[in-house]
PDB file of N, CA and C in Angstrom:
ATOM      1  N   UNK A   1       8.695  -1.646 -13.211  1.00  0.00           N
ATOM      2  CA  UNK A   1       8.469  -2.177 -12.211  1.00  0.00           C
ATOM      3  C   UNK A   1       7.643  -1.732 -11.269  1.00  0.00           C
ATOM      4  N   UNK A   2       6.461  -2.316 -10.705  1.00  0.00           N
ATOM      5  CA  UNK A   2       5.853  -1.466  -9.390  1.00  0.00           C
ATOM      6  C   UNK A   2       6.513  -1.918  -7.896  1.00  0.00           C
ATOM      7  N   UNK A   3       6.966  -1.098  -7.224  1.00  0.00           N
ATOM      8  CA  UNK A   3       7.558  -1.136  -6.028  1.00  0.00           C
ATOM      9  C   UNK A   3       6.565  -0.558  -4.662  1.00  0.00           C
ATOM     10  N   UNK A   4       6.257  -1.785  -3.898  1.00  0.00           N
ATOM     11  CA  UNK A   4       5.407  -1.804  -2.753  1.00  0.00           C
ATOM     12  C   UNK A   4       5.955  -1.708  -1.612  1.00  0.00           C
ATOM     13  N   UNK A   5       5.949  -0.734  -0.566  1.00  0.00           N
ATOM     14  CA  UNK A   5       6.451  -0.601   0.403  1.00  0.00           C
ATOM     15  C   UNK A   5       5.351  -0.622   1.544  1.00  0.00           C
ATOM     16  N   UNK A   6       5.636  -1.326   2.694  1.00  0.00           N
ATOM     17  CA  UNK A   6       4.216  -1.371   3.445  1.00  0.00           C
ATOM     18  C   UNK A   6       5.055  -1.283   5.046  1.00  0.00           C
ATOM     19  N   UNK A   7       4.680  -0.117   5.759  1.00  0.00           N
ATOM     20  CA  UNK A   7       5.300  -0.061   6.987  1.00  0.00           C
ATOM     21  C   UNK A   7       4.022  -0.031   7.944  1.00  0.00           C
ATOM     22  N   UNK A   8       3.602  -1.217   8.653  1.00  0.00           N
ATOM     23  CA  UNK A   8       2.538  -1.363   9.679  1.00  0.00           C
ATOM     24  C   UNK A   8       2.593  -0.638  10.686  1.00  0.00           C
ATOM     25  N   UNK A   9       3.921  -0.316  11.272  1.00  0.00           N
ATOM     26  CA  UNK A   9       4.267   0.176  12.486  1.00  0.00           C
ATOM     27  C   UNK A   9       4.028   1.500  12.374  1.00  0.00           C
ATOM     28  N   UNK A  10       4.128   2.276  11.293  1.00  0.00           N
ATOM     29  CA  UNK A  10       3.972   3.734  10.898  1.00  0.00           C
ATOM     30  C   UNK A  10       2.472   3.736  10.291  1.00  0.00           C
ATOM     31  N   UNK A  11       1.716   2.757   9.992  1.00  0.00           N
ATOM     32  CA  UNK A  11       0.448   2.603   9.185  1.00  0.00           C
ATOM     33  C   UNK A  11       0.353   3.702   7.576  1.00  0.00           C
ATOM     34  N   UNK A  12       1.529   3.132   7.275  1.00  0.00           N
ATOM     35  CA  UNK A  12       1.996   3.717   6.005  1.00  0.00           C
ATOM     36  C   UNK A  12       2.127   2.891   4.862  1.00  0.00           C
ATOM     37  N   UNK A  13       1.724   2.913   3.635  1.00  0.00           N
ATOM     38  CA  UNK A  13       1.801   1.954   2.323  1.00  0.00           C
ATOM     39  C   UNK A  13       2.323   3.067   1.449  1.00  0.00           C
ATOM     40  N   UNK A  14       3.213   2.800   0.580  1.00  0.00           N
ATOM     41  CA  UNK A  14       3.580   3.227  -0.690  1.00  0.00           C
ATOM     42  C   UNK A  14       3.510   2.423  -2.000  1.00  0.00           C
ATOM     43  N   UNK A  15       2.830   2.647  -2.947  1.00  0.00           N
ATOM     44  CA  UNK A  15       2.934   2.051  -4.024  1.00  0.00           C
ATOM     45  C   UNK A  15       3.523   3.001  -5.352  1.00  0.00           C
ATOM     46  N   UNK A  16       4.421   2.589  -6.054  1.00  0.00           N
ATOM     47  CA  UNK A  16       5.035   3.504  -6.931  1.00  0.00           C
ATOM     48  C   UNK A  16       5.636   2.660  -8.193  1.00  0.00           C
ATOM     49  N   UNK A  17       5.644   3.219  -9.204  1.00  0.00           N
ATOM     50  CA  UNK A  17       5.861   2.609 -10.699  1.00  0.00           C
ATOM     51  C   UNK A  17       4.658   1.887 -11.449  1.00  0.00           C
ATOM     52  N   UNK A  18       5.179   1.776 -12.811  1.00  0.00           N
ATOM     53  CA  UNK A  18       4.091   1.060 -13.672  1.00  0.00           C
ATOM     54  C   UNK A  18       4.819  -0.354 -13.810  1.00  0.00           C
ATOM     55  N   UNK A  19       3.879  -1.307 -13.580  1.00  0.00           N
ATOM     56  CA  UNK A  19       4.204  -2.950 -13.764  1.00  0.00           C
ATOM     57  C   UNK A  19       4.900  -3.347 -14.807  1.00  0.00           C
ATOM     58  N   UNK A  20       4.385  -2.736 -16.145  1.00  0.00           N
ATOM     59  CA  UNK A  20       4.996  -2.999 -17.342  1.00  0.00           C
ATOM     60  C   UNK A  20       4.603  -4.743 -18.082  1.00  0.00           C
ATOM     61  N   UNK A  21       3.511  -4.878 -17.407  1.00  0.00           N
ATOM     62  CA  UNK A  21       3.285  -6.382 -17.856  1.00  0.00           C
ATOM     63  C   UNK A  21       2.697  -6.382 -18.892  1.00  0.00           C
ATOM     64  N   UNK A  22       2.153  -5.046 -19.788  1.00  0.00           N
ATOM     65  CA  UNK A  22       1.512  -5.401 -21.072  1.00  0.00           C
ATOM     66  C   UNK A  22       1.163  -3.783 -21.362  1.00  0.00           C
ATOM     67  N   UNK A  23       0.509  -3.798 -22.481  1.00  0.00           N
ATOM     68  CA  UNK A  23       0.478  -2.477 -23.220  1.00  0.00           C
ATOM     69  C   UNK A  23      -0.369  -1.706 -22.332  1.00  0.00           C
ATOM     70  N   UNK A  24      -0.112  -0.215 -22.463  1.00  0.00           N
ATOM     71  CA  UNK A  24      -0.569   0.864 -21.366  1.00  0.00           C
ATOM     72  C   UNK A  24      -2.201   0.671 -21.663  1.00  0.00           C
ATOM     73  N   UNK A  25      -2.802   0.546 -20.804  1.00  0.00           N
ATOM     74  CA  UNK A  25      -4.271   0.425 -20.664  1.00  0.00           C
ATOM     75  C   UNK A  25      -4.965  -1.454 -20.952  1.00  0.00           C
ATOM     76  N   UNK A  26      -4.073  -2.048 -20.943  1.00  0.00           N
ATOM     77  CA  UNK A  26      -4.217  -3.413 -21.109  1.00  0.00           C
ATOM     78  C   UNK A  26      -3.500  -4.102 -20.095  1.00  0.00           C
ATOM     79  N   UNK A  27      -2.704  -3.551 -19.010  1.00  0.00           N
ATOM     80  CA  UNK A  27      -1.689  -4.209 -18.295  1.00  0.00           C
ATOM     81  C   UNK A  27      -2.324  -4.613 -16.962  1.00  0.00           C
ATOM     82  N   UNK A  28      -2.818  -6.036 -16.941  1.00  0.00           N
ATOM     83  CA  UNK A  28      -3.719  -6.491 -15.840  1.00  0.00           C
ATOM     84  C   UNK A  28      -2.968  -6.413 -14.744  1.00  0.00           C
ATOM     85  N   UNK A  29      -1.626  -6.538 -14.403  1.00  0.00           N
ATOM     86  CA  UNK A  29      -1.072  -6.435 -13.175  1.00  0.00           C
ATOM     87  C   UNK A  29      -1.258  -5.120 -12.661  1.00  0.00           C
ATOM     88  N   UNK A  30      -0.714  -4.280 -13.630  1.00  0.00           N
ATOM     89  CA  UNK A  30      -0.932  -2.571 -13.014  1.00  0.00           C
ATOM     90  C   UNK A  30      -2.316  -2.268 -12.896  1.00  0.00           C
ATOM     91  N   UNK A  31      -3.361  -3.149 -13.370  1.00  0.00           N
ATOM     92  CA  UNK A  31      -4.879  -2.610 -13.326  1.00  0.00           C
ATOM     93  C   UNK A  31      -5.151  -3.077 -11.545  1.00  0.00           C
ATOM     94  N   UNK A  32      -4.556  -4.337 -11.496  1.00  0.00           N
ATOM     95  CA  UNK A  32      -4.838  -4.893 -10.129  1.00  0.00           C
ATOM     96  C   UNK A  32      -4.231  -4.158  -8.960  1.00  0.00           C
ATOM     97  N   UNK A  33      -3.118  -3.458  -9.275  1.00  0.00           N
ATOM     98  CA  UNK A  33      -2.420  -2.749  -8.384  1.00  0.00           C
ATOM     99  C   UNK A  33      -3.001  -1.529  -8.137  1.00  0.00           C
ATOM    100  N   UNK A  34      -3.369  -0.922  -9.339  1.00  0.00           N
ATOM    101  CA  UNK A  34      -4.024   0.306  -9.107  1.00  0.00           C
ATOM    102  C   UNK A  34      -5.449   0.348  -8.643  1.00  0.00           C
ATOM    103  N   UNK A  35      -6.000  -0.776  -8.715  1.00  0.00           N
ATOM    104  CA  UNK A  35      -7.503  -0.820  -7.967  1.00  0.00           C
ATOM    105  C   UNK A  35      -7.083  -0.870  -6.418  1.00  0.00           C
ATOM    106  N   UNK A  36      -6.048  -1.594  -5.984  1.00  0.00           N
ATOM    107  CA  UNK A  36      -6.022  -1.513  -4.531  1.00  0.00           C
ATOM    108  C   UNK A  36      -5.522  -0.396  -4.034  1.00  0.00           C
ATOM    109  N   UNK A  37      -4.818   0.407  -4.881  1.00  0.00           N
ATOM    110  CA  UNK A  37      -4.207   1.699  -4.614  1.00  0.00           C
ATOM    111  C   UNK A  37      -5.345   2.709  -4.477  1.00  0.00           C
ATOM    112  N   UNK A  38      -6.262   2.851  -5.538  1.00  0.00           N
ATOM    113  CA  UNK A  38      -7.456   3.499  -5.125  1.00  0.00           C
ATOM    114  C   UNK A  38      -8.191   3.162  -4.121  1.00  0.00           C
ATOM    115  N   UNK A  39      -8.463   2.023  -3.768  1.00  0.00           N
ATOM    116  CA  UNK A  39      -9.166   1.579  -2.566  1.00  0.00           C
ATOM    117  C   UNK A  39      -8.487   2.010  -1.170  1.00  0.00           C
ATOM    118  N   UNK A  40      -6.982   1.970  -1.038  1.00  0.00           N
ATOM    119  CA  UNK A  40      -6.306   2.348  -0.139  1.00  0.00           C
ATOM    120  C   UNK A  40      -6.633   4.115   0.162  1.00  0.00           C
ATOM    121  N   UNK A  41      -6.423   4.609  -0.774  1.00  0.00           N
ATOM    122  CA  UNK A  41      -6.675   6.190  -0.986  1.00  0.00           C
ATOM    123  C   UNK A  41      -7.981   6.453  -0.375  1.00  0.00           C
ATOM    124  N   UNK A  42      -9.059   5.777  -0.851  1.00  0.00           N
ATOM    125  CA  UNK A  42     -10.421   6.182  -0.333  1.00  0.00           C
ATOM    126  C   UNK A  42     -10.426   5.803   1.124  1.00  0.00           C
ATOM    127  N   UNK A  43     -10.082   4.840   1.273  1.00  0.00           N
ATOM    128  CA  UNK A  43     -10.106   4.244   3.004  1.00  0.00           C
ATOM    129  C   UNK A  43      -9.377   5.475   3.512  1.00  0.00           C
ATOM    130  N   UNK A  44      -8.170   5.746   3.457  1.00  0.00           N
ATOM    131  CA  UNK A  44      -7.010   6.747   4.009  1.00  0.00           C
ATOM    132  C   UNK A  44      -8.129   8.185   4.100  1.00  0.00           C
ATOM    133  N   UNK A  45      -8.462   8.626   2.984  1.00  0.00           N
ATOM    134  CA  UNK A  45      -9.040  10.108   3.134  1.00  0.00           C
ATOM    135  C   UNK A  45     -10.456   9.748   4.091  1.00  0.00           C
ATOM    136  N   UNK A  46     -11.289   8.523   4.065  1.00  0.00           N
ATOM    137  CA  UNK A  46     -12.451   8.660   4.908  1.00  0.00           C
ATOM    138  C   UNK A  46     -11.922   8.510   6.268  1.00  0.00           C
ATOM    139  N   UNK A  47     -10.728   7.977   6.656  1.00  0.00           N
ATOM    140  CA  UNK A  47     -10.387   7.958   7.986  1.00  0.00           C
ATOM    141  C   UNK A  47      -9.560   9.150   8.352  1.00  0.00           C
ATOM    142  N   UNK A  48      -9.350  10.125   7.711  1.00  0.00           N
ATOM    143  CA  UNK A  48      -8.564  11.252   7.973  1.00  0.00           C
ATOM    144  C   UNK A  48      -7.030  10.972   7.922  1.00  0.00           C
ATOM    145  N   UNK A  49      -6.721  10.410   7.229  1.00  0.00           N
ATOM    146  CA  UNK A  49      -5.225  10.087   6.820  1.00  0.00           C
ATOM    147  C   UNK A  49      -4.594  11.190   5.946  1.00  0.00           C
ATOM    148  N   UNK A  50      -3.427  10.604   5.373  1.00  0.00           N
ATOM    149  CA  UNK A  50      -2.871  11.384   4.328  1.00  0.00           C
ATOM    150  C   UNK A  50      -3.116  10.622   3.285  1.00  0.00           C
ATOM    151  N   UNK A  51      -3.308  11.380   1.823  1.00  0.00           N
ATOM    152  CA  UNK A  51      -2.824  10.596   0.768  1.00  0.00           C
ATOM    153  C   UNK A  51      -2.165  11.472  -0.209  1.00  0.00           C
ATOM    154  N   UNK A  52      -1.082  10.956  -0.606  1.00  0.00           N
ATOM    155  CA  UNK A  52      -0.207  11.556  -1.808  1.00  0.00           C
ATOM    156  C   UNK A  52      -0.081  10.651  -2.887  1.00  0.00           C
ATOM    157  N   UNK A  53      -0.815  11.573  -4.234  1.00  0.00           N
ATOM    158  CA  UNK A  53      -0.715  11.024  -5.635  1.00  0.00           C
ATOM    159  C   UNK A  53      -0.094  11.656  -6.408  1.00  0.00           C
ATOM    160  N   UNK A  54       0.575  10.944  -7.520  1.00  0.00           N
ATOM    161  CA  UNK A  54       1.293  11.796  -8.492  1.00  0.00           C
ATOM    162  C   UNK A  54       1.325  10.694  -9.780  1.00  0.00           C
ATOM    163  N   UNK A  55       0.473  11.032 -10.709  1.00  0.00           N
ATOM    164  CA  UNK A  55       0.122  10.511 -11.733  1.00  0.00           C
ATOM    165  C   UNK A  55       1.399   9.999 -12.629  1.00  0.00           C
ATOM    166  N   UNK A  56       1.979  11.386 -12.739  1.00  0.00           N
ATOM    167  CA  UNK A  56       3.403  11.225 -13.464  1.00  0.00           C
ATOM    168  C   UNK A  56       4.544  10.041 -13.010  1.00  0.00           C
ATOM    169  N   UNK A  57       4.546  10.072 -11.631  1.00  0.00           N
ATOM    170  CA  UNK A  57       5.351   9.084 -11.148  1.00  0.00           C
ATOM    171  C   UNK A  57       4.951   7.881 -10.609  1.00  0.00           C
ATOM    172  N   UNK A  58       3.357   7.838 -10.957  1.00  0.00           N
ATOM    173  CA  UNK A  58       2.673   6.619 -10.766  1.00  0.00           C
ATOM    174  C   UNK A  58       2.911   5.918  -9.018  1.00  0.00           C
ATOM    175  N   UNK A  59       2.575   7.094  -8.551  1.00  0.00           N
ATOM    176  CA  UNK A  59       2.762   7.095  -6.872  1.00  0.00           C
ATOM    177  C   UNK A  59       1.330   7.180  -6.093  1.00  0.00           C
ATOM    178  N   UNK A  60       1.164   6.249  -5.354  1.00  0.00           N
ATOM    179  CA  UNK A  60       0.181   6.691  -4.368  1.00  0.00           C
ATOM    180  C   UNK A  60       0.846   6.318  -2.852  1.00  0.00           C
ATOM    181  N   UNK A  61       0.338   7.080  -2.128  1.00  0.00           N
ATOM    182  CA  UNK A  61       1.103   6.758  -0.560  1.00  0.00           C
ATOM    183  C   UNK A  61       0.326   7.162   0.340  1.00  0.00           C
ATOM    184  N   UNK A  62      -0.227   6.397   1.310  1.00  0.00           N
ATOM    185  CA  UNK A  62      -1.200   6.749   2.189  1.00  0.00           C
ATOM    186  C   UNK A  62      -0.747   6.517   3.450  1.00  0.00           C
ATOM    187  N   UNK A  63      -0.875   7.347   4.611  1.00  0.00           N
ATOM    188  CA  UNK A  63      -0.724   7.012   5.834  1.00  0.00           C
ATOM    189  C   UNK A  63      -2.108   7.387   6.539  1.00  0.00           C
ATOM    190  N   UNK A  64      -1.925   6.434   7.920  1.00  0.00           N
ATOM    191  CA  UNK A  64      -3.352   6.518   8.550  1.00  0.00           C
ATOM    192  C   UNK A  64      -2.955   7.099  10.065  1.00  0.00           C
ATOM    193  N   UNK A  65      -3.794   8.009  10.480  1.00  0.00           N
ATOM    194  CA  UNK A  65      -3.259   8.209  12.166  1.00  0.00           C
ATOM    195  C   UNK A  65      -4.210   7.812  13.257  1.00  0.00           C
ATOM    196  N   UNK A  66      -4.587   6.620  13.670  1.00  0.00           N
ATOM    197  CA  UNK A  66      -5.437   6.051  14.631  1.00  0.00           C
ATOM    198  C   UNK A  66      -4.906   6.937  15.767  1.00  0.00           C
ATOM    199  N   UNK A  67      -6.304   7.334  16.512  1.00  0.00           N
ATOM    200  CA  UNK A  67      -6.236   8.273  17.745  1.00  0.00           C
ATOM    201  C   UNK A  67      -6.448   7.112  18.756  1.00  0.00           C
ATOM    202  N   UNK A  68      -7.236   6.097  18.512  1.00  0.00           N
ATOM    203  CA  UNK A  68      -7.384   5.275  19.736  1.00  0.00           C
ATOM    204  C   UNK A  68      -7.183   3.868  19.529  1.00  0.00           C
ATOM    205  N   UNK A  69      -7.313   2.855  20.246  1.00  0.00           N
ATOM    206  CA  UNK A  69      -7.375   1.435  19.822  1.00  0.00           C
ATOM    207  C   UNK A  69      -8.394   0.927  19.022  1.00  0.00           C
ATOM    208  N   UNK A  70      -9.537   1.416  19.026  1.00  0.00           N
ATOM    209  CA  UNK A  70     -10.732   1.089  17.982  1.00  0.00           C
ATOM    210  C   UNK A  70     -10.181   1.232  16.430  1.00  0.00           C
ATOM    211  N   UNK A  71      -9.796   2.903  16.482  1.00  0.00           N
ATOM    212  CA  UNK A  71      -9.270   3.388  15.419  1.00  0.00           C
ATOM    213  C   UNK A  71      -7.989   2.547  14.745  1.00  0.00           C
ATOM    214  N   UNK A  72      -7.084   2.114  15.628  1.00  0.00           N
ATOM    215  CA  UNK A  72      -5.856   1.434  15.492  1.00  0.00           C
ATOM    216  C   UNK A  72      -6.367   0.149  14.824  1.00  0.00           C
ATOM    217  N   UNK A  73      -7.245  -0.652  15.277  1.00  0.00           N
ATOM    218  CA  UNK A  73      -7.538  -1.760  14.735  1.00  0.00           C
ATOM    219  C   UNK A  73      -8.192  -1.843  13.423  1.00  0.00           C
ATOM    220  N   UNK A  74      -8.998  -0.840  13.302  1.00  0.00           N
ATOM    221  CA  UNK A  74      -9.804  -0.705  11.766  1.00  0.00           C
ATOM    222  C   UNK A  74      -8.692  -0.301  10.759  1.00  0.00           C
ATOM    223  N   UNK A  75      -7.618   0.888  11.211  1.00  0.00           N
ATOM    224  CA  UNK A  75      -6.709   1.123  10.274  1.00  0.00           C
ATOM    225  C   UNK A  75      -5.934  -0.013   9.927  1.00  0.00           C
ATOM    226  N   UNK A  76      -5.393  -0.772  10.918  1.00  0.00           N
ATOM    227  CA  UNK A  76      -4.356  -2.038  10.865  1.00  0.00           C
ATOM    228  C   UNK A  76      -5.508  -3.040   9.651  1.00  0.00           C
ATOM    229  N   UNK A  77      -6.555  -3.132   9.987  1.00  0.00           N
ATOM    230  CA  UNK A  77      -7.498  -3.981   8.731  1.00  0.00           C
ATOM    231  C   UNK A  77      -7.361  -3.617   7.341  1.00  0.00           C
ATOM    232  N   UNK A  78      -7.372  -2.248   7.243  1.00  0.00           N
ATOM    233  CA  UNK A  78      -7.422  -1.703   5.977  1.00  0.00           C
ATOM    234  C   UNK A  78      -6.323  -1.998   5.346  1.00  0.00           C
ATOM    235  N   UNK A  79      -5.161  -1.537   6.097  1.00  0.00           N
ATOM    236  CA  UNK A  79      -3.971  -1.610   5.530  1.00  0.00           C
ATOM    237  C   UNK A  79      -3.256  -2.759   5.366  1.00  0.00           C
ATOM    238  N   UNK A  80      -3.662  -3.945   6.162  1.00  0.00           N
ATOM    239  CA  UNK A  80      -3.324  -5.383   5.847  1.00  0.00           C
ATOM    240  C   UNK A  80      -3.998  -6.052   4.973  1.00  0.00           C
ATOM    241  N   UNK A  81      -5.321  -5.524   4.529  1.00  0.00           N
ATOM    242  CA  UNK A  81      -6.008  -6.064   3.690  1.00  0.00           C
ATOM    243  C   UNK A  81      -5.398  -5.672   2.221  1.00  0.00           C
ATOM    244  N   UNK A  82      -5.089  -4.544   1.961  1.00  0.00           N
ATOM    245  CA  UNK A  82      -4.636  -4.009   0.971  1.00  0.00           C
ATOM    246  C   UNK A  82      -3.057  -4.394   0.493  1.00  0.00           C
ATOM    247  N   UNK A  83      -2.416  -4.355   1.643  1.00  0.00           N
ATOM    248  CA  UNK A  83      -0.863  -4.967   1.828  1.00  0.00           C
ATOM    249  C   UNK A  83      -1.121  -6.320   1.409  1.00  0.00           C
ATOM    250  N   UNK A  84      -1.894  -7.144   1.948  1.00  0.00           N
ATOM    251  CA  UNK A  84      -2.261  -8.458   1.518  1.00  0.00           C
ATOM    252  C   UNK A  84      -2.273  -8.757   0.217  1.00  0.00           C
ATOM    253  N   UNK A  85      -3.513  -8.123  -0.502  1.00  0.00           N
ATOM    254  CA  UNK A  85      -3.630  -8.140  -1.644  1.00  0.00           C
ATOM    255  C   UNK A  85      -2.516  -7.960  -2.918  1.00  0.00           C
ATOM    256  N   UNK A  86      -1.824  -6.760  -2.342  1.00  0.00           N
ATOM    257  CA  UNK A  86      -0.551  -6.542  -3.383  1.00  0.00           C
ATOM    258  C   UNK A  86       0.630  -7.564  -2.990  1.00  0.00           C
ATOM    259  N   UNK A  87       0.763  -8.008  -2.061  1.00  0.00           N
ATOM    260  CA  UNK A  87       1.643  -8.920  -1.637  1.00  0.00           C
ATOM    261  C   UNK A  87       1.353 -10.380  -2.333  1.00  0.00           C
ATOM    262  N   UNK A  88       0.169 -10.643  -2.882  1.00  0.00           N
ATOM    263  CA  UNK A  88      -0.028 -11.869  -3.726  1.00  0.00           C
ATOM    264  C   UNK A  88      -0.107 -11.500  -4.923  1.00  0.00           C
ATOM    265  N   UNK A  89      -0.113 -10.469  -5.251  1.00  0.00           N
ATOM    266  CA  UNK A  89      -0.025  -9.738  -6.823  1.00  0.00           C
ATOM    267  C   UNK A  89       1.491 -10.227  -6.961  1.00  0.00           C
ATOM    268  N   UNK A  90       2.333  -9.439  -6.062  1.00  0.00           N
ATOM    269  CA  UNK A  90       3.746  -9.603  -6.023  1.00  0.00           C
ATOM    270  C   UNK A  90       4.380 -10.959  -6.261  1.00  0.00           C
ATOM    271  N   UNK A  91       3.709 -11.944  -5.462  1.00  0.00           N
ATOM    272  CA  UNK A  91       4.157 -13.264  -5.445  1.00  0.00           C
ATOM    273  C   UNK A  91       3.667 -13.994  -6.639  1.00  0.00           C
ATOM    274  N   UNK A  92       2.695 -13.672  -7.204  1.00  0.00           N
ATOM    275  CA  UNK A  92       2.181 -14.235  -8.797  1.00  0.00           C
ATOM    276  C   UNK A  92       2.899 -13.422  -9.844  1.00  0.00           C
ATOM    277  N   UNK A  93       3.263 -12.447  -9.899  1.00  0.00           N
ATOM    278  CA  UNK A  93       4.144 -11.586 -10.874  1.00  0.00           C
ATOM    279  C   UNK A  93       5.347 -10.764 -10.249  1.00  0.00           C
ATOM    280  N   UNK A  94       6.178 -11.426  -9.712  1.00  0.00           N
ATOM    281  CA  UNK A  94       7.664 -10.970  -9.155  1.00  0.00           C
ATOM    282  C   UNK A  94       8.500 -10.234 -10.087  1.00  0.00           C
ATOM    283  N   UNK A  95       8.213 -10.439 -11.362  1.00  0.00           N
ATOM    284  CA  UNK A  95       8.893  -9.808 -12.573  1.00  0.00           C
ATOM    285  C   UNK A  95       8.541  -8.354 -12.537  1.00  0.00           C
ATOM    286  N   UNK A  96       7.069  -8.261 -12.229  1.00  0.00           N
ATOM    287  CA  UNK A  96       6.604  -7.025 -12.343  1.00  0.00           C
ATOM    288  C   UNK A  96       6.342  -6.077 -11.016  1.00  0.00           C
ATOM    289  N   UNK A  97       6.132  -7.029  -9.722  1.00  0.00           N
ATOM    290  CA  UNK A  97       5.888  -6.059  -8.725  1.00  0.00           C
ATOM    291  C   UNK A  97       7.044  -6.472  -7.742  1.00  0.00           C
ATOM    292  N   UNK A  98       7.636  -5.757  -6.901  1.00  0.00           N
ATOM    293  CA  UNK A  98       8.508  -5.912  -5.659  1.00  0.00           C
ATOM    294  C   UNK A  98       7.649  -5.588  -4.467  1.00  0.00           C
ATOM    295  N   UNK A  99       7.359  -6.339  -3.444  1.00  0.00           N
ATOM    296  CA  UNK A  99       6.824  -5.957  -2.145  1.00  0.00           C
ATOM    297  C   UNK A  99       8.082  -5.960  -1.175  1.00  0.00           C
ATOM    298  N   UNK A 100       7.956  -4.937  -0.418  1.00  0.00           N
ATOM    299  CA  UNK A 100       8.933  -4.849   0.795  1.00  0.00           C
ATOM    300  C   UNK A 100       8.009  -4.333   2.021  1.00  0.00           C
ATOM    301  N   UNK A 101       8.007  -5.177   3.307  1.00  0.00           N
ATOM    302  CA  UNK A 101       7.647  -4.656   4.363  1.00  0.00           C
ATOM    303  C   UNK A 101       8.421  -4.395   5.408  1.00  0.00           C
ATOM    304  N   UNK A 102       8.362  -3.288   6.090  1.00  0.00           N
ATOM    305  CA  UNK A 102       9.427  -2.874   7.242  1.00  0.00           C
ATOM    306  C   UNK A 102       8.480  -2.763   8.570  1.00  0.00           C
ATOM    307  N   UNK A 103       8.724  -3.485   9.319  1.00  0.00           N
ATOM    308  CA  UNK A 103       8.307  -4.000  10.747  1.00  0.00           C
ATOM    309  C   UNK A 103       9.153  -2.987  11.755  1.00  0.00           C
ATOM    310  N   UNK A 104      10.062  -2.337  11.096  1.00  0.00           N
ATOM    311  CA  UNK A 104      11.037  -1.590  12.349  1.00  0.00           C
ATOM    312  C   UNK A 104      10.591  -0.641  13.348  1.00  0.00           C
ATOM    313  N   UNK A 105       9.513   0.046  12.903  1.00  0.00           N
ATOM    314  CA  UNK A 105       8.629   0.881  13.947  1.00  0.00           C
ATOM    315  C   UNK A 105       7.761   0.024  14.842  1.00  0.00           C
ATOM    316  N   UNK A 106       7.401  -1.035  14.357  1.00  0.00           N
ATOM    317  CA  UNK A 106       6.560  -1.856  15.512  1.00  0.00           C
ATOM    318  C   UNK A 106       7.658  -2.566  16.319  1.00  0.00           C
ATOM    319  N   UNK A 107       8.569  -3.266  15.623  1.00  0.00           N
ATOM    320  CA  UNK A 107       9.465  -3.827  16.585  1.00  0.00           C
ATOM    321  C   UNK A 107      10.131  -3.041  17.304  1.00  0.00           C
ATOM    322  N   UNK A 108      10.365  -1.640  17.454  1.00  0.00           N
ATOM    323  CA  UNK A 108      11.093  -0.806  18.358  1.00  0.00           C
ATOM    324  C   UNK A 108       9.842  -0.644  19.419  1.00  0.00           C
ATOM    325  N   UNK A 109       8.580  -0.289  18.964  1.00  0.00           N
ATOM    326  CA  UNK A 109       7.819  -0.384  20.038  1.00  0.00           C
ATOM    327  C   UNK A 109       7.546  -1.566  20.778  1.00  0.00           C
ATOM    328  N   UNK A 110       7.822  -2.738  20.471  1.00  0.00           N
ATOM    329  CA  UNK A 110       7.768  -3.876  21.061  1.00  0.00           C
ATOM    330  C   UNK A 110       9.060  -4.123  22.324  1.00  0.00           C
ATOM    331  N   UNK A 111      10.194  -3.553  21.794  1.00  0.00           N
ATOM    332  CA  UNK A 111      11.112  -3.425  22.764  1.00  0.00           C
ATOM    333  C   UNK A 111      11.082  -2.360  24.106  1.00  0.00           C
ATOM    334  N   UNK A 112      10.258  -1.655  23.777  1.00  0.00           N
ATOM    335  CA  UNK A 112      10.048  -0.223  24.724  1.00  0.00           C
ATOM    336  C   UNK A 112       9.066  -1.020  26.022  1.00  0.00           C
TER     337      UNK A 112
END
């Protein structure tokens, strides 16, 4: 199973695990998740974020560090778009992809 954790308040998104929806190299669920993960890594690297990859653990984790309001808006758009695609894949194939969103950092910011 692929597990996705999106932390919008921390500008972080993690994708871990193989979907297991088909044979290796022919798993369309894993292919869709991987494509979004590669796009996320590319965007994070171009925006000065951090990317952690571990092929053995089937892991891609990205964190962005916006420095101003304009960058925050752009980073949020990238993350929300990738997370939205992953959320839809999880909705279509819940037996292969689990999507979790944690807004606790944003919720704490709103309380301040």
